[in-house]
N, C-alpha and C. Protein backbone atom coordinates (compact mmCIF):
# COMPACT_ATOMS: atom_id res chain seq x y z
N UNK A 1 76.70 132.89 9.30
CA UNK A 1 77.13 134.18 9.80
C UNK A 1 78.55 134.06 10.35
N UNK A 2 79.36 135.03 10.05
CA UNK A 2 80.74 135.05 10.51
C UNK A 2 80.85 136.00 11.71
N UNK A 3 81.44 135.50 12.79
CA UNK A 3 81.65 136.29 13.99
C UNK A 3 83.08 136.83 14.00
N UNK A 4 83.23 138.05 14.46
CA UNK A 4 84.53 138.69 14.52
C UNK A 4 85.32 138.14 15.71
N UNK A 5 86.61 137.86 15.49
CA UNK A 5 87.50 137.37 16.55
C UNK A 5 88.22 138.57 17.16
N UNK A 6 88.08 138.76 18.47
CA UNK A 6 88.71 139.84 19.20
C UNK A 6 89.73 139.24 20.18
N UNK A 7 90.94 139.75 20.17
CA UNK A 7 92.00 139.29 21.08
C UNK A 7 92.07 140.22 22.30
N UNK A 8 91.92 139.66 23.49
CA UNK A 8 92.13 140.46 24.70
C UNK A 8 93.64 140.58 24.93
N UNK A 9 94.07 141.57 25.71
CA UNK A 9 95.51 141.69 26.02
C UNK A 9 96.07 140.42 26.68
N UNK A 10 95.30 139.80 27.57
CA UNK A 10 95.76 138.58 28.23
C UNK A 10 95.88 137.43 27.24
N UNK A 11 94.94 137.32 26.31
CA UNK A 11 95.01 136.26 25.30
C UNK A 11 96.25 136.43 24.45
N UNK A 12 96.53 137.64 24.04
CA UNK A 12 97.71 137.90 23.23
C UNK A 12 98.99 137.58 24.00
N UNK A 13 99.03 137.97 25.26
CA UNK A 13 100.20 137.73 26.10
C UNK A 13 100.43 136.23 26.30
N UNK A 14 99.38 135.47 26.61
CA UNK A 14 99.53 134.04 26.84
C UNK A 14 99.82 133.29 25.54
N UNK A 15 99.29 133.77 24.43
CA UNK A 15 99.58 133.18 23.12
C UNK A 15 101.06 133.33 22.79
N UNK A 16 101.58 134.52 22.96
CA UNK A 16 102.99 134.79 22.67
C UNK A 16 103.90 134.00 23.62
N UNK A 17 103.54 133.95 24.89
CA UNK A 17 104.39 133.21 25.84
C UNK A 17 104.41 131.72 25.52
N UNK A 18 103.31 131.18 25.03
CA UNK A 18 103.29 129.77 24.64
C UNK A 18 104.15 129.53 23.41
N UNK A 19 104.12 130.45 22.46
CA UNK A 19 104.98 130.33 21.28
C UNK A 19 106.44 130.41 21.70
N UNK A 20 106.77 131.33 22.59
CA UNK A 20 108.16 131.45 23.06
C UNK A 20 108.62 130.18 23.77
N UNK A 21 107.73 129.59 24.56
CA UNK A 21 108.06 128.34 25.23
C UNK A 21 108.33 127.23 24.21
N UNK A 22 107.47 127.13 23.22
CA UNK A 22 107.66 126.10 22.19
C UNK A 22 108.96 126.31 21.42
N UNK A 23 109.28 127.56 21.11
CA UNK A 23 110.51 127.85 20.39
C UNK A 23 111.74 127.48 21.21
N UNK A 24 111.66 127.66 22.52
CA UNK A 24 112.81 127.38 23.39
C UNK A 24 112.96 125.88 23.67
N UNK A 25 111.84 125.18 23.81
CA UNK A 25 111.89 123.79 24.27
C UNK A 25 111.63 122.75 23.19
N UNK A 26 111.03 123.14 22.08
CA UNK A 26 110.64 122.18 21.06
C UNK A 26 111.20 122.60 19.70
N UNK A 27 110.82 121.90 18.68
CA UNK A 27 111.34 122.18 17.33
C UNK A 27 110.41 123.15 16.59
N UNK A 28 110.90 123.63 15.45
CA UNK A 28 110.09 124.52 14.61
C UNK A 28 108.83 123.82 14.11
N UNK A 29 108.92 122.52 13.96
CA UNK A 29 107.75 121.76 13.51
C UNK A 29 106.61 121.86 14.53
N UNK A 30 106.92 121.72 15.82
CA UNK A 30 105.89 121.83 16.85
C UNK A 30 105.32 123.25 16.91
N UNK A 31 106.16 124.24 16.72
CA UNK A 31 105.69 125.63 16.70
C UNK A 31 104.71 125.82 15.55
N UNK A 32 105.08 125.32 14.37
CA UNK A 32 104.20 125.44 13.20
C UNK A 32 102.89 124.69 13.42
N UNK A 33 102.97 123.50 14.01
CA UNK A 33 101.75 122.73 14.30
C UNK A 33 100.83 123.48 15.25
N UNK A 34 101.42 124.12 16.26
CA UNK A 34 100.62 124.91 17.20
C UNK A 34 99.94 126.08 16.50
N UNK A 35 100.70 126.81 15.70
CA UNK A 35 100.15 127.96 14.98
C UNK A 35 99.03 127.53 14.03
N UNK A 36 99.23 126.41 13.34
CA UNK A 36 98.20 125.89 12.44
C UNK A 36 96.95 125.47 13.21
N UNK A 37 97.14 124.82 14.36
CA UNK A 37 96.01 124.38 15.17
C UNK A 37 95.20 125.58 15.67
N UNK A 38 95.88 126.64 16.07
CA UNK A 38 95.19 127.85 16.53
C UNK A 38 94.39 128.46 15.38
N UNK A 39 94.99 128.56 14.20
CA UNK A 39 94.29 129.12 13.04
C UNK A 39 93.06 128.31 12.69
N UNK A 40 93.18 126.98 12.70
CA UNK A 40 92.02 126.12 12.41
C UNK A 40 90.91 126.34 13.43
N UNK A 41 91.29 126.41 14.70
CA UNK A 41 90.28 126.58 15.76
C UNK A 41 89.60 127.94 15.65
N UNK A 42 90.36 128.99 15.36
CA UNK A 42 89.77 130.32 15.22
C UNK A 42 88.84 130.37 14.02
N UNK A 43 89.18 129.67 12.98
CA UNK A 43 88.31 129.60 11.81
C UNK A 43 86.98 128.93 12.16
N UNK A 44 87.06 127.86 12.91
CA UNK A 44 85.84 127.15 13.34
C UNK A 44 85.02 128.05 14.25
N UNK A 45 85.66 128.72 15.20
CA UNK A 45 84.94 129.58 16.14
C UNK A 45 84.28 130.77 15.45
N UNK A 46 84.86 131.25 14.38
CA UNK A 46 84.26 132.39 13.69
C UNK A 46 82.93 132.02 13.02
N UNK A 47 82.76 130.73 12.72
CA UNK A 47 81.50 130.28 12.12
C UNK A 47 80.58 129.58 13.13
N UNK A 48 81.18 128.90 14.12
CA UNK A 48 80.41 128.16 15.11
C UNK A 48 80.93 128.47 16.51
N UNK A 49 80.58 129.63 17.04
CA UNK A 49 81.16 130.05 18.33
C UNK A 49 80.68 129.25 19.54
N UNK A 50 79.63 128.48 19.41
CA UNK A 50 79.15 127.69 20.54
C UNK A 50 79.80 126.31 20.58
N UNK A 51 80.84 126.11 19.80
CA UNK A 51 81.54 124.83 19.74
C UNK A 51 82.14 124.45 21.09
N UNK A 52 82.69 125.41 21.79
CA UNK A 52 83.35 125.13 23.06
C UNK A 52 82.37 124.84 24.18
N UNK A 53 82.90 124.21 25.21
CA UNK A 53 82.10 123.85 26.39
C UNK A 53 81.91 125.08 27.28
N UNK A 54 80.69 125.31 27.72
CA UNK A 54 80.39 126.44 28.60
C UNK A 54 80.99 126.18 29.97
N UNK A 55 81.80 127.14 30.46
CA UNK A 55 82.44 126.97 31.77
C UNK A 55 81.91 127.95 32.81
N UNK A 56 81.33 129.05 32.36
CA UNK A 56 80.78 130.02 33.29
C UNK A 56 79.58 130.71 32.64
N UNK A 57 78.39 130.39 33.12
CA UNK A 57 77.19 131.02 32.56
C UNK A 57 77.17 132.52 32.84
N UNK A 58 77.58 132.88 34.03
CA UNK A 58 77.54 134.29 34.42
C UNK A 58 78.46 135.14 33.56
N UNK A 59 79.64 134.63 33.26
CA UNK A 59 80.62 135.38 32.48
C UNK A 59 80.59 135.03 30.99
N UNK A 60 79.74 134.08 30.62
CA UNK A 60 79.62 133.62 29.23
C UNK A 60 80.94 133.09 28.70
N UNK A 61 81.70 132.42 29.57
CA UNK A 61 82.99 131.87 29.17
C UNK A 61 82.84 130.45 28.64
N UNK A 62 83.59 130.16 27.61
CA UNK A 62 83.63 128.83 27.03
C UNK A 62 85.09 128.42 26.88
N UNK A 63 85.32 127.12 26.77
CA UNK A 63 86.67 126.65 26.53
C UNK A 63 86.65 125.57 25.46
N UNK A 64 87.73 125.53 24.71
CA UNK A 64 87.89 124.53 23.67
C UNK A 64 89.34 124.08 23.64
N UNK A 65 89.55 122.86 23.23
CA UNK A 65 90.89 122.29 23.20
C UNK A 65 91.56 122.64 21.87
N UNK A 66 92.73 123.25 21.95
CA UNK A 66 93.54 123.53 20.77
C UNK A 66 94.41 122.30 20.48
N UNK A 67 94.98 121.76 21.53
CA UNK A 67 95.88 120.61 21.48
C UNK A 67 95.73 119.95 22.84
N UNK A 68 96.17 118.72 22.98
CA UNK A 68 96.01 118.05 24.27
C UNK A 68 96.71 118.79 25.40
N UNK A 69 97.63 119.68 25.08
CA UNK A 69 98.35 120.47 26.09
C UNK A 69 97.92 121.93 26.14
N UNK A 70 96.93 122.33 25.34
CA UNK A 70 96.56 123.76 25.27
C UNK A 70 95.05 123.93 25.15
N UNK A 71 94.51 124.80 26.00
CA UNK A 71 93.08 125.12 26.01
C UNK A 71 92.93 126.60 25.70
N UNK A 72 91.92 126.92 24.91
CA UNK A 72 91.59 128.31 24.62
C UNK A 72 90.31 128.64 25.38
N UNK A 73 90.37 129.70 26.18
CA UNK A 73 89.20 130.19 26.90
C UNK A 73 88.73 131.45 26.18
N UNK A 74 87.44 131.48 25.87
CA UNK A 74 86.91 132.61 25.11
C UNK A 74 85.51 132.98 25.59
N UNK A 75 85.07 134.15 25.17
CA UNK A 75 83.75 134.67 25.54
C UNK A 75 82.97 134.90 24.25
N UNK A 76 81.78 134.34 24.18
CA UNK A 76 80.92 134.51 23.01
C UNK A 76 79.95 135.65 23.29
N UNK A 77 79.95 136.65 22.40
CA UNK A 77 79.09 137.82 22.54
C UNK A 77 78.14 137.87 21.33
N UNK A 78 76.98 137.20 21.44
CA UNK A 78 76.09 137.11 20.28
C UNK A 78 75.52 138.45 19.82
N UNK A 79 75.23 139.37 20.74
CA UNK A 79 74.66 140.67 20.35
C UNK A 79 75.65 141.48 19.52
N UNK A 80 76.93 141.40 19.87
CA UNK A 80 77.96 142.15 19.15
C UNK A 80 78.53 141.36 17.97
N UNK A 81 78.09 140.10 17.85
CA UNK A 81 78.61 139.21 16.81
C UNK A 81 80.13 139.07 16.91
N UNK A 82 80.59 138.82 18.16
CA UNK A 82 82.02 138.72 18.43
C UNK A 82 82.34 137.47 19.24
N UNK A 83 83.55 137.00 19.06
CA UNK A 83 84.15 135.97 19.91
C UNK A 83 85.41 136.61 20.48
N UNK A 84 85.41 136.82 21.80
CA UNK A 84 86.57 137.44 22.46
C UNK A 84 87.46 136.36 23.04
N UNK A 85 88.69 136.30 22.57
CA UNK A 85 89.66 135.35 23.11
C UNK A 85 90.15 135.89 24.45
N UNK A 86 90.01 135.09 25.49
CA UNK A 86 90.35 135.53 26.84
C UNK A 86 91.74 135.07 27.24
N UNK A 87 92.05 133.79 26.98
CA UNK A 87 93.33 133.27 27.46
C UNK A 87 93.65 131.93 26.82
N UNK A 88 94.92 131.70 26.57
CA UNK A 88 95.43 130.39 26.19
C UNK A 88 96.02 129.80 27.46
N UNK A 89 95.62 128.58 27.79
CA UNK A 89 96.03 128.00 29.06
C UNK A 89 96.61 126.61 28.82
N UNK A 90 97.85 126.40 29.26
CA UNK A 90 98.50 125.10 29.14
C UNK A 90 97.97 124.14 30.19
N UNK A 91 97.67 122.93 29.78
CA UNK A 91 97.14 121.94 30.72
C UNK A 91 98.17 121.51 31.75
N UNK A 92 99.43 121.84 31.50
CA UNK A 92 100.49 121.53 32.46
C UNK A 92 100.56 122.56 33.59
N UNK A 93 99.82 123.66 33.46
CA UNK A 93 99.83 124.70 34.49
C UNK A 93 98.85 124.35 35.61
N UNK A 94 99.01 125.01 36.74
CA UNK A 94 98.13 124.80 37.88
C UNK A 94 96.74 125.38 37.57
N UNK A 95 95.68 124.58 37.58
CA UNK A 95 94.35 125.10 37.25
C UNK A 95 93.84 126.15 38.22
N UNK A 96 94.40 126.24 39.41
CA UNK A 96 93.97 127.27 40.36
C UNK A 96 94.34 128.67 39.87
N UNK A 97 95.34 128.75 38.97
CA UNK A 97 95.74 130.04 38.42
C UNK A 97 94.63 130.66 37.57
N UNK A 98 93.78 129.82 37.02
CA UNK A 98 92.67 130.32 36.20
C UNK A 98 91.68 131.12 37.03
N UNK A 99 91.45 130.71 38.24
CA UNK A 99 90.45 131.34 39.09
C UNK A 99 90.90 132.69 39.64
N UNK A 100 92.21 132.93 39.66
CA UNK A 100 92.73 134.18 40.20
C UNK A 100 92.62 135.33 39.23
N UNK A 101 92.43 135.07 37.97
CA UNK A 101 92.41 136.12 36.95
C UNK A 101 91.02 136.43 36.51
């Protein structure tokens, strides 16, 4: 079964800001590698949404590693057959920022 991938506004914002950071600080090769890694992970999640580690039972939040420097936080909605992308989070950021949102 294929699950639909839904982008939240925050996921889209953090995804774009990470791409902008990579474009400013790294080469086009790293940008392409990041984009490819995200596409591979989304493809996996559309078929196996329970791949990520459960981080919040109450909110049904899961997280999965895109790259050693990037984590994707998402919500699996089995009744709606959806995977909602919540946020892309850099491991270099302060983890306390996750709890405020």
